[in-house]
C-alpha atoms as a PDB file:
ATOM      1  CA  MET A   1     125.005  94.799  87.340  1.00  0.00           C
ATOM      2  CA  LYS A   2     127.154  92.352  89.470  1.00  0.00           C
ATOM      3  CA  ILE A   3     125.986  94.012  92.673  1.00  0.00           C
ATOM      4  CA  PRO A   4     122.759  91.531  94.409  1.00  0.00           C
ATOM      5  CA  ILE A   5     119.172  93.296  94.038  1.00  0.00           C
ATOM      6  CA  GLU A   6     119.467  92.461  97.779  1.00  0.00           C
ATOM      7  CA  LEU A   7     122.653  94.561  98.307  1.00  0.00           C
ATOM      8  CA  ARG A   8     120.960  97.632  95.847  1.00  0.00           C
ATOM      9  CA  TYR A   9     118.023  97.376  98.361  1.00  0.00           C
ATOM     10  CA  MET A  10     120.246  98.130 101.180  1.00  0.00           C
ATOM     11  CA  ILE A  11     122.168 100.822  99.516  1.00  0.00           C
ATOM     12  CA  TYR A  12     118.918 102.704  98.567  1.00  0.00           C
ATOM     13  CA  ALA A  13     118.092 102.195 101.854  1.00  0.00           C
ATOM     14  CA  CYS A  14     121.389 104.316 102.979  1.00  0.00           C
ATOM     15  CA  ALA A  15     120.953 106.806 100.855  1.00  0.00           C
ATOM     16  CA  LEU A  16     117.280 107.331 100.123  1.00  0.00           C
ATOM     17  CA  THR A  17     115.237 107.160 103.236  1.00  0.00           C
ATOM     18  CA  LEU A  18     113.560 110.458 104.939  1.00  0.00           C
ATOM     19  CA  PRO A  19     112.904 110.460 108.486  1.00  0.00           C
ATOM     20  CA  SER A  20     109.910 112.225 107.890  1.00  0.00           C
ATOM     21  CA  PRO A  21     106.998 113.057 105.615  1.00  0.00           C
ATOM     22  CA  ILE A  22     107.676 115.132 102.344  1.00  0.00           C
ATOM     23  CA  GLU A  23     105.377 118.034 102.357  1.00  0.00           C
ATOM     24  CA  LEU A  24     104.767 119.363  99.051  1.00  0.00           C
ATOM     25  CA  TRP A  25     101.258 121.730  99.924  1.00  0.00           C
ATOM     26  CA  PRO A  26     101.695 122.316 103.486  1.00  0.00           C
ATOM     27  CA  GLU A  27      98.520 123.498 106.035  1.00  0.00           C
ATOM     28  CA  THR A  28      99.148 126.584 107.783  1.00  0.00           C
ATOM     29  CA  ASP A  29      97.549 125.843 110.708  1.00  0.00           C
ATOM     30  CA  SER A  30      95.523 128.950 109.848  1.00  0.00           C
ATOM     31  CA  PRO A  31      93.023 130.594 107.953  1.00  0.00           C
ATOM     32  CA  ILE A  32      94.729 133.826 106.483  1.00  0.00           C
ATOM     33  CA  ALA A  33      95.384 133.107 102.936  1.00  0.00           C
ATOM     34  CA  SER A  34      99.000 135.298 102.663  1.00  0.00           C
ATOM     35  CA  HIS A  35     100.022 132.600 105.068  1.00  0.00           C
ATOM     36  CA  GLN A  36      99.786 129.308 102.576  1.00  0.00           C
ATOM     37  CA  ILE A  37     102.797 130.555 100.346  1.00  0.00           C
ATOM     38  CA  VAL A  38     105.184 131.508 102.855  1.00  0.00           C
ATOM     39  CA  THR A  39     104.591 128.373 104.777  1.00  0.00           C
ATOM     40  CA  ALA A  40     105.283 126.426 101.237  1.00  0.00           C
ATOM     41  CA  ASN A  41     108.211 128.191 100.994  1.00  0.00           C
ATOM     42  CA  ARG A  42     109.440 127.595 104.835  1.00  0.00           C
ATOM     43  CA  ASN A  43     108.649 123.709 104.076  1.00  0.00           C
ATOM     44  CA  MET A  44     110.982 123.941 101.374  1.00  0.00           C
ATOM     45  CA  GLN A  45     113.672 125.067 102.718  1.00  0.00           C
ATOM     46  CA  TYR A  46     113.317 123.157 105.851  1.00  0.00           C
ATOM     47  CA  LEU A  47     112.960 120.115 103.518  1.00  0.00           C
ATOM     48  CA  LYS A  48     116.321 120.931 101.577  1.00  0.00           C
ATOM     49  CA  VAL A  49     118.205 121.162 104.979  1.00  0.00           C
ATOM     50  CA  LYS A  50     116.488 117.808 106.279  1.00  0.00           C
ATOM     51  CA  MET A  51     117.587 115.942 103.483  1.00  0.00           C
ATOM     52  CA  ARG A  52     121.699 117.258 103.565  1.00  0.00           C
ATOM     53  CA  ARG A  53     121.772 116.276 107.105  1.00  0.00           C
ATOM     54  CA  CYS A  54     120.643 112.940 106.570  1.00  0.00           C
ATOM     55  CA  GLY A  55     122.671 112.173 103.796  1.00  0.00           C
ATOM     56  CA  VAL A  56     119.903 111.352 101.347  1.00  0.00           C
ATOM     57  CA  ASN A  57     121.468 111.828  97.681  1.00  0.00           C
ATOM     58  CA  LEU A  58     119.424 111.871  95.002  1.00  0.00           C
ATOM     59  CA  ASN A  59     122.105 111.809  92.489  1.00  0.00           C
ATOM     60  CA  LEU A  60     122.059 108.330  93.088  1.00  0.00           C
ATOM     61  CA  LEU A  61     119.116 107.995  90.568  1.00  0.00           C
ATOM     62  CA  ARG A  62     121.415 109.197  87.756  1.00  0.00           C
ATOM     63  CA  VAL A  63     124.299 106.380  87.878  1.00  0.00           C
ATOM     64  CA  SER A  64     122.222 104.476  85.550  1.00  0.00           C
ATOM     65  CA  ARG A  65     118.573 103.265  83.821  1.00  0.00           C
ATOM     66  CA  GLN A  66     118.207 100.099  86.333  1.00  0.00           C
ATOM     67  CA  VAL A  67     119.436 102.473  89.288  1.00  0.00           C
ATOM     68  CA  ARG A  68     117.314 104.805  88.654  1.00  0.00           C
ATOM     69  CA  HIS A  69     114.178 102.919  87.992  1.00  0.00           C
ATOM     70  CA  GLU A  70     114.652 100.389  91.264  1.00  0.00           C
ATOM     71  CA  ALA A  71     115.836 103.278  93.234  1.00  0.00           C
ATOM     72  CA  THR A  72     112.954 105.381  92.193  1.00  0.00           C
ATOM     73  CA  PHE A  73     110.569 102.391  93.318  1.00  0.00           C
ATOM     74  CA  TYR A  74     112.199 102.445  96.456  1.00  0.00           C
ATOM     75  CA  PHE A  75     112.069 106.138  97.189  1.00  0.00           C
ATOM     76  CA  TYR A  76     108.396 106.234  96.356  1.00  0.00           C
ATOM     77  CA  ARG A  77     107.275 103.379  98.207  1.00  0.00           C
ATOM     78  CA  GLU A  78     108.889 104.260 101.610  1.00  0.00           C
ATOM     79  CA  THR A  79     108.556 107.932 101.764  1.00  0.00           C
ATOM     80  CA  GLU A  80     105.030 109.312 102.812  1.00  0.00           C
ATOM     81  CA  TRP A  81     103.959 111.711 100.621  1.00  0.00           C
ATOM     82  CA  ARG A  82     101.623 115.003 101.499  1.00  0.00           C
ATOM     83  CA  PHE A  83      99.630 117.406 100.320  1.00  0.00           C
ATOM     84  CA  SER A  84      97.815 118.679 103.284  1.00  0.00           C
ATOM     85  CA  GLY A  85      97.059 122.126 102.503  1.00  0.00           C
ATOM     86  CA  ILE A  86      93.202 122.915 101.499  1.00  0.00           C
ATOM     87  CA  ASN A  87      93.763 123.069  97.670  1.00  0.00           C
ATOM     88  CA  GLY A  88      96.369 119.621  97.875  1.00  0.00           C
ATOM     89  CA  TRP A  89      93.912 117.882  95.611  1.00  0.00           C
ATOM     90  CA  MET A  90      95.190 120.285  92.636  1.00  0.00           C
ATOM     91  CA  VAL A  91      98.652 120.200  93.525  1.00  0.00           C
ATOM     92  CA  ALA A  92      98.238 116.081  93.725  1.00  0.00           C
ATOM     93  CA  SER A  93      96.962 116.541  90.386  1.00  0.00           C
ATOM     94  CA  ALA A  94      99.654 118.746  88.831  1.00  0.00           C
ATOM     95  CA  PHE A  95     102.451 116.927  90.842  1.00  0.00           C
ATOM     96  CA  MET A  96     101.152 113.238  88.985  1.00  0.00           C
ATOM     97  CA  PHE A  97     100.066 114.153  85.516  1.00  0.00           C
ATOM     98  CA  MET A  98     102.304 117.110  84.398  1.00  0.00           C
ATOM     99  CA  SER A  99     105.534 116.743  85.992  1.00  0.00           C
ATOM    100  CA  ALA A 100     108.555 114.237  85.263  1.00  0.00           C
ATOM    101  CA  PHE A 101     110.062 115.744  88.145  1.00  0.00           C
ATOM    102  CA  MET A 102     111.122 114.506  91.379  1.00  0.00           C
ATOM    103  CA  PHE A 103     111.351 117.739  93.318  1.00  0.00           C
ATOM    104  CA  THR A 104     111.210 120.495  90.786  1.00  0.00           C
ATOM    105  CA  SER A 105     112.490 123.443  91.563  1.00  0.00           C
ATOM    106  CA  ALA A 106     112.481 123.123  95.023  1.00  0.00           C
ATOM    107  CA  PHE A 107     115.576 120.663  95.221  1.00  0.00           C
ATOM    108  CA  MET A 108     116.632 121.372  91.367  1.00  0.00           C
ATOM    109  CA  PHE A 109     116.513 117.784  90.463  1.00  0.00           C
ATOM    110  CA  THR A 110     114.507 116.007  87.761  1.00  0.00           C
ATOM    111  CA  SER A 111     114.043 112.508  87.257  1.00  0.00           C
ATOM    112  CA  ARG A 112     112.449 110.233  84.006  1.00  0.00           C
ATOM    113  CA  GLU A 113     110.077 108.208  85.501  1.00  0.00           C
ATOM    114  CA  LYS A 114     106.899 110.449  84.982  1.00  0.00           C
ATOM    115  CA  TYR A 115     104.795 107.621  86.404  1.00  0.00           C
ATOM    116  CA  ALA A 116     106.719 107.178  89.563  1.00  0.00           C
ATOM    117  CA  TRP A 117     103.649 108.369  91.863  1.00  0.00           C
ATOM    118  CA  GLN A 118     102.129 104.788  90.838  1.00  0.00           C
ATOM    119  CA  TYR A 119     104.976 103.392  93.661  1.00  0.00           C
ATOM    120  CA  ILE A 120     102.832 105.701  96.326  1.00  0.00           C
ATOM    121  CA  LYS A 121     102.343 103.775  99.329  1.00  0.00           C
ATOM    122  CA  CYS A 122     101.030 106.275 101.894  1.00  0.00           C
ATOM    123  CA  ILE A 123      99.694 110.025 100.248  1.00  0.00           C
ATOM    124  CA  THR A 124      98.030 112.258 102.452  1.00  0.00           C
ATOM    125  CA  LEU A 125      95.850 114.773 101.027  1.00  0.00           C
ATOM    126  CA  PRO A 126      92.996 117.248 102.328  1.00  0.00           C
ATOM    127  CA  LEU A 127      89.652 116.451 102.807  1.00  0.00           C
ATOM    128  CA  PRO A 128      87.702 118.432 100.347  1.00  0.00           C
ATOM    129  CA  VAL A 129      85.492 121.172 101.187  1.00  0.00           C
ATOM    130  CA  ARG A 130      84.098 123.746  98.813  1.00  0.00           C
ATOM    131  CA  HIS A 131      82.399 126.398  99.861  1.00  0.00           C
ATOM    132  CA  THR A 132      78.845 127.460  98.661  1.00  0.00           C
ATOM    133  CA  THR A 133      79.318 131.001 100.043  1.00  0.00           C
ATOM    134  CA  GLN A 134      81.464 133.997 100.800  1.00  0.00           C
ATOM    135  CA  GLY A 135      80.574 136.037 103.824  1.00  0.00           C
ATOM    136  CA  ARG A 136      82.204 138.654 105.074  1.00  0.00           C
ATOM    137  CA  ALA A 137      84.103 137.597 108.042  1.00  0.00           C
ATOM    138  CA  GLN A 138      86.113 135.685 104.709  1.00  0.00           C
ATOM    139  CA  GLN A 139      86.681 138.530 102.972  1.00  0.00           C
ATOM    140  CA  ARG A 140      87.998 140.778 106.031  1.00  0.00           C
ATOM    141  CA  TRP A 141      90.609 137.823 107.031  1.00  0.00           C
ATOM    142  CA  GLY A 142      91.182 136.736 103.339  1.00  0.00           C
ATOM    143  CA  MET A 143      90.356 133.326 104.459  1.00  0.00           C
ATOM    144  CA  ILE A 144      91.864 130.072 102.431  1.00  0.00           C
ATOM    145  CA  ARG A 145      89.268 128.676 100.230  1.00  0.00           C
ATOM    146  CA  PRO A 146      89.472 125.830  97.738  1.00  0.00           C
ATOM    147  CA  ALA A 147      90.442 127.559  94.269  1.00  0.00           C
ATOM    148  CA  VAL A 148      87.060 127.031  92.644  1.00  0.00           C
ATOM    149  CA  SER A 149      87.248 129.353  90.002  1.00  0.00           C
ATOM    150  CA  LYS A 150      89.474 130.118  86.881  1.00  0.00           C
ATOM    151  CA  ARG A 151      91.035 133.268  88.603  1.00  0.00           C
ATOM    152  CA  ALA A 152      91.873 131.310  91.842  1.00  0.00           C
ATOM    153  CA  SER A 153      93.206 128.378  90.030  1.00  0.00           C
ATOM    154  CA  VAL A 154      95.507 130.776  87.420  1.00  0.00           C
ATOM    155  CA  ARG A 155      96.700 132.570  90.992  1.00  0.00           C
ATOM    156  CA  LEU A 156      97.606 129.302  92.395  1.00  0.00           C
ATOM    157  CA  ALA A 157      99.176 127.805  89.483  1.00  0.00           C
ATOM    158  CA  LYS A 158     101.967 130.632  90.254  1.00  0.00           C
ATOM    159  CA  GLN A 159     102.556 129.398  93.720  1.00  0.00           C
ATOM    160  CA  ILE A 160     103.080 125.773  93.205  1.00  0.00           C
ATOM    161  CA  PRO A 161     106.677 124.456  91.162  1.00  0.00           C
ATOM    162  CA  PHE A 162     104.737 122.322  88.911  1.00  0.00           C
ATOM    163  CA  ASP A 163     103.071 122.382  85.666  1.00  0.00           C
ATOM    164  CA  VAL A 164      99.307 121.957  85.843  1.00  0.00           C
ATOM    165  CA  PRO A 165      97.269 120.357  83.232  1.00  0.00           C
ATOM    166  CA  ASP A 166      94.358 121.851  80.923  1.00  0.00           C
ATOM    167  CA  GLY A 167      91.420 122.554  82.352  1.00  0.00           C
ATOM    168  CA  TRP A 168      92.788 122.580  85.793  1.00  0.00           C
ATOM    169  CA  GLU A 169      90.167 122.729  88.265  1.00  0.00           C
ATOM    170  CA  TYR A 170      89.143 122.068  91.805  1.00  0.00           C
ATOM    171  CA  GLU A 171      86.529 119.121  91.479  1.00  0.00           C
ATOM    172  CA  SER A 172      88.310 117.749  88.315  1.00  0.00           C
ATOM    173  CA  SER A 173      91.310 116.968  90.542  1.00  0.00           C
ATOM    174  CA  VAL A 174      90.029 115.432  93.228  1.00  0.00           C
ATOM    175  CA  LYS A 175      88.789 112.903  90.622  1.00  0.00           C
ATOM    176  CA  ASP A 176      91.343 112.672  88.376  1.00  0.00           C
ATOM    177  CA  VAL A 177      93.380 111.841  91.589  1.00  0.00           C
ATOM    178  CA  CYS A 178      90.788 109.541  93.232  1.00  0.00           C
ATOM    179  CA  VAL A 179      91.033 107.727  89.721  1.00  0.00           C
ATOM    180  CA  ALA A 180      94.959 107.802  90.006  1.00  0.00           C
ATOM    181  CA  LEU A 181      95.565 106.383  93.145  1.00  0.00           C
ATOM    182  CA  GLY A 182      93.376 103.337  92.465  1.00  0.00           C
ATOM    183  CA  LYS A 183      96.278 102.593  89.402  1.00  0.00           C
ATOM    184  CA  CYS A 184      98.963 103.304  92.831  1.00  0.00           C
ATOM    185  CA  MET A 185      99.986  99.601  92.956  1.00  0.00           C
ATOM    186  CA  ASN A 186     101.584  99.930  96.446  1.00  0.00           C
ATOM    187  CA  LEU A 187      98.947 102.021  98.294  1.00  0.00           C
ATOM    188  CA  GLU A 188      98.420 101.174 101.819  1.00  0.00           C
ATOM    189  CA  VAL A 189      97.561 104.690 103.609  1.00  0.00           C
ATOM    190  CA  LEU A 190      95.231 107.337 102.478  1.00  0.00           C
ATOM    191  CA  ARG A 191      95.176 110.174 105.121  1.00  0.00           C
ATOM    192  CA  LEU A 192      92.872 113.306 105.055  1.00  0.00           C
ATOM    193  CA  VAL A 193      93.507 116.337 106.555  1.00  0.00           C
ATOM    194  CA  LEU A 194      90.362 118.382 108.480  1.00  0.00           C
ATOM    195  CA  PRO A 195      91.855 121.915 109.492  1.00  0.00           C
ATOM    196  CA  LYS A 196      90.761 123.005 113.195  1.00  0.00           C
ATOM    197  CA  TRP A 197      89.541 126.590 111.645  1.00  0.00           C
ATOM    198  CA  CYS A 198      87.605 124.301 108.673  1.00  0.00           C
ATOM    199  CA  ASP A 199      84.257 127.057 108.384  1.00  0.00           C
ATOM    200  CA  MET A 200      81.308 124.044 108.325  1.00  0.00           C
ATOM    201  CA  GLU A 201      78.728 126.354 107.695  1.00  0.00           C
ATOM    202  CA  VAL A 202      79.717 127.003 104.350  1.00  0.00           C
ATOM    203  CA  VAL A 203      80.647 123.340 103.228  1.00  0.00           C
ATOM    204  CA  ASP A 204      79.053 121.887 100.328  1.00  0.00           C
ATOM    205  CA  GLN A 205      77.718 118.536 101.357  1.00  0.00           C
ATOM    206  CA  GLY A 206      76.837 117.655  98.450  1.00  0.00           C
ATOM    207  CA  VAL A 207      80.664 117.708  97.927  1.00  0.00           C
ATOM    208  CA  MET A 208      81.670 115.680 100.802  1.00  0.00           C
ATOM    209  CA  LYS A 209      78.888 113.421 100.165  1.00  0.00           C
ATOM    210  CA  ASP A 210      79.619 113.039  96.415  1.00  0.00           C
ATOM    211  CA  PHE A 211      83.393 112.715  97.963  1.00  0.00           C
ATOM    212  CA  ALA A 212      83.160 109.871 100.472  1.00  0.00           C
ATOM    213  CA  GLY A 213      81.343 107.612  97.854  1.00  0.00           C
ATOM    214  CA  ARG A 214      84.685 108.038  95.517  1.00  0.00           C
ATOM    215  CA  ILE A 215      86.665 106.730  98.650  1.00  0.00           C
ATOM    216  CA  GLU A 216      84.523 103.786  99.119  1.00  0.00           C
ATOM    217  CA  ARG A 217      84.820 102.611  95.093  1.00  0.00           C
ATOM    218  CA  LEU A 218      88.415 103.827  95.777  1.00  0.00           C
ATOM    219  CA  ARG A 219      88.754 101.058  98.434  1.00  0.00           C
ATOM    220  CA  GLU A 220      86.942  98.472  96.428  1.00  0.00           C
ATOM    221  CA  VAL A 221      89.477  99.199  93.570  1.00  0.00           C
ATOM    222  CA  VAL A 222      92.648  98.587  95.952  1.00  0.00           C
ATOM    223  CA  GLY A 223      90.813  96.068  98.061  1.00  0.00           C
ATOM    224  CA  GLU A 224      89.923  95.830 102.364  1.00  0.00           C
ATOM    225  CA  GLY A 225      94.218  96.553 102.803  1.00  0.00           C
ATOM    226  CA  LEU A 226      93.548  99.743 102.147  1.00  0.00           C
ATOM    227  CA  LYS A 227      93.377 101.977 105.252  1.00  0.00           C
ATOM    228  CA  VAL A 228      91.499 105.744 105.393  1.00  0.00           C
ATOM    229  CA  GLU A 229      92.635 108.225 107.940  1.00  0.00           C
ATOM    230  CA  LEU A 230      90.491 111.425 108.911  1.00  0.00           C
ATOM    231  CA  VAL A 231      93.691 113.592 110.613  1.00  0.00           C
ATOM    232  CA  LYS A 232      91.944 116.334 112.609  1.00  0.00           C
ATOM    233  CA  LEU A 233      94.284 118.931 112.984  1.00  0.00           C
ATOM    234  CA  GLY A 234      94.525 121.481 115.919  1.00  0.00           C
ATOM    235  CA  GLY A 235      96.492 124.640 117.030  1.00  0.00           C
ATOM    236  CA  VAL A 236      94.947 127.544 115.864  1.00  0.00           C
ATOM    237  CA  LYS A 237      95.923 130.617 118.605  1.00  0.00           C
ATOM    238  CA  THR A 238      93.931 132.895 117.274  1.00  0.00           C
ATOM    239  CA  ALA A 239      89.869 133.252 117.334  1.00  0.00           C
ATOM    240  CA  ILE A 240      88.666 135.127 113.956  1.00  0.00           C
ATOM    241  CA  GLY A 241      84.859 135.895 114.491  1.00  0.00           C
ATOM    242  CA  ASP A 242      82.902 133.587 112.741  1.00  0.00           C
ATOM    243  CA  LEU A 243      85.396 131.449 111.107  1.00  0.00           C
ATOM    244  CA  ILE A 244      86.250 129.124 114.181  1.00  0.00           C
ATOM    245  CA  THR A 245      83.774 126.140 113.450  1.00  0.00           C
ATOM    246  CA  ALA A 246      82.198 124.941 116.381  1.00  0.00           C
ATOM    247  CA  ASP A 247      83.234 121.545 117.716  1.00  0.00           C
ATOM    248  CA  GLU A 248      79.746 119.964 117.407  1.00  0.00           C
ATOM    249  CA  LYS A 249      79.462 120.396 113.536  1.00  0.00           C
ATOM    250  CA  GLN A 250      82.692 119.138 113.200  1.00  0.00           C
ATOM    251  CA  GLU A 251      82.005 116.239 115.291  1.00  0.00           C
ATOM    252  CA  ARG A 252      79.099 115.105 113.269  1.00  0.00           C
ATOM    253  CA  LEU A 253      80.779 115.124 110.234  1.00  0.00           C
ATOM    254  CA  VAL A 254      83.434 112.920 111.864  1.00  0.00           C
ATOM    255  CA  LYS A 255      81.217 110.182 113.546  1.00  0.00           C
ATOM    256  CA  GLY A 256      79.378 110.065 110.055  1.00  0.00           C
ATOM    257  CA  LEU A 257      83.192 108.746 108.704  1.00  0.00           C
ATOM    258  CA  THR A 258      83.726 106.848 111.179  1.00  0.00           C
ATOM    259  CA  GLU A 259      80.784 105.333 110.599  1.00  0.00           C
ATOM    260  CA  LYS A 260      82.593 104.259 107.076  1.00  0.00           C
ATOM    261  CA  GLY A 261      85.611 102.328 108.633  1.00  0.00           C
ATOM    262  CA  TRP A 262      87.745 105.558 108.624  1.00  0.00           C
ATOM    263  CA  LYS A 263      89.622 106.050 111.475  1.00  0.00           C
ATOM    264  CA  VAL A 264      90.440 109.150 113.343  1.00  0.00           C
ATOM    265  CA  ARG A 265      94.110 110.753 113.608  1.00  0.00           C
ATOM    266  CA  THR A 266      95.098 113.847 115.888  1.00  0.00           C
ATOM    267  CA  ALA A 267      97.952 116.105 115.161  1.00  0.00           C
ATOM    268  CA  LYS A 268      99.226 119.681 115.573  1.00  0.00           C
ATOM    269  CA  CYS A 269     100.690 121.786 113.021  1.00  0.00           C
ATOM    270  CA  ASP A 270     103.713 123.968 113.774  1.00  0.00           C
ATOM    271  CA  LYS A 271     104.628 127.176 111.640  1.00  0.00           C
ATOM    272  CA  PHE A 272     106.580 124.954 108.646  1.00  0.00           C
ATOM    273  CA  GLY A 273     103.491 122.937 108.684  1.00  0.00           C
ATOM    274  CA  ARG A 274     104.919 119.757 109.974  1.00  0.00           C
ATOM    275  CA  TYR A 275     102.960 117.673 112.090  1.00  0.00           C
ATOM    276  CA  ASP A 276     102.891 114.025 114.027  1.00  0.00           C
ATOM    277  CA  VAL A 277      99.722 111.833 113.504  1.00  0.00           C
ATOM    278  CA  GLY A 278      98.481 110.384 116.595  1.00  0.00           C
ATOM    279  CA  ASP A 279      95.359 108.372 117.588  1.00  0.00           C
ATOM    280  CA  VAL A 280      92.437 110.459 118.700  1.00  0.00           C
END
């Protein structure tokens, strides 16, 4: 190709730069399960409109093999990828390991760069909160819980636009994605979302302790340059019985994680699962 690489990257910056993150599994800002797929669909439609208005043209990745490789590297590196919803680890696992898609059915575009996720520089995932029990209030309100059963995993697989790997389940997805993030050559920021409505009464603390250990090992692999940030979401407008968490329990959790060097940020969702991250 005769165009100098510096000019090519200027072209990629004009054609592939998004003004906002790409949210592939949004936080619903609600503990009601039926809101999840509705919010995800609305968010995908919003992203399509946003990309069109911003002039983002993914057809550039079809020009040639060289352009596809360079442009994919730029696009994945310069975009913040979010999987903020409570089963975001499972969605991220399917996104990384089972799909060579850029946006699959949501944007009707595919990419042959199967391992493009290794270029990711900034990624947002939910703080793992596996529940050990299911109370009456959860049954009554259909609270969103991590898909820890086979039946729940099958139901979740029907809601996402990616194929899923064999044996796809919650805890293995957390483990696999942590290992994959260690292979991301440009990873600089890992954000972990803690929903305001998360029921800390039934969170398996053993899972939390194990996860904190995984993050520390990830930091050892990636290096000291990796920033780990905890994002506290607010905005639930309706009190739903005993599902609303006492702030002091979350504060104890946040305090323990900040002692490990995790920075705390705050945010508030809108109806599309969009949020801007600020300081605490």
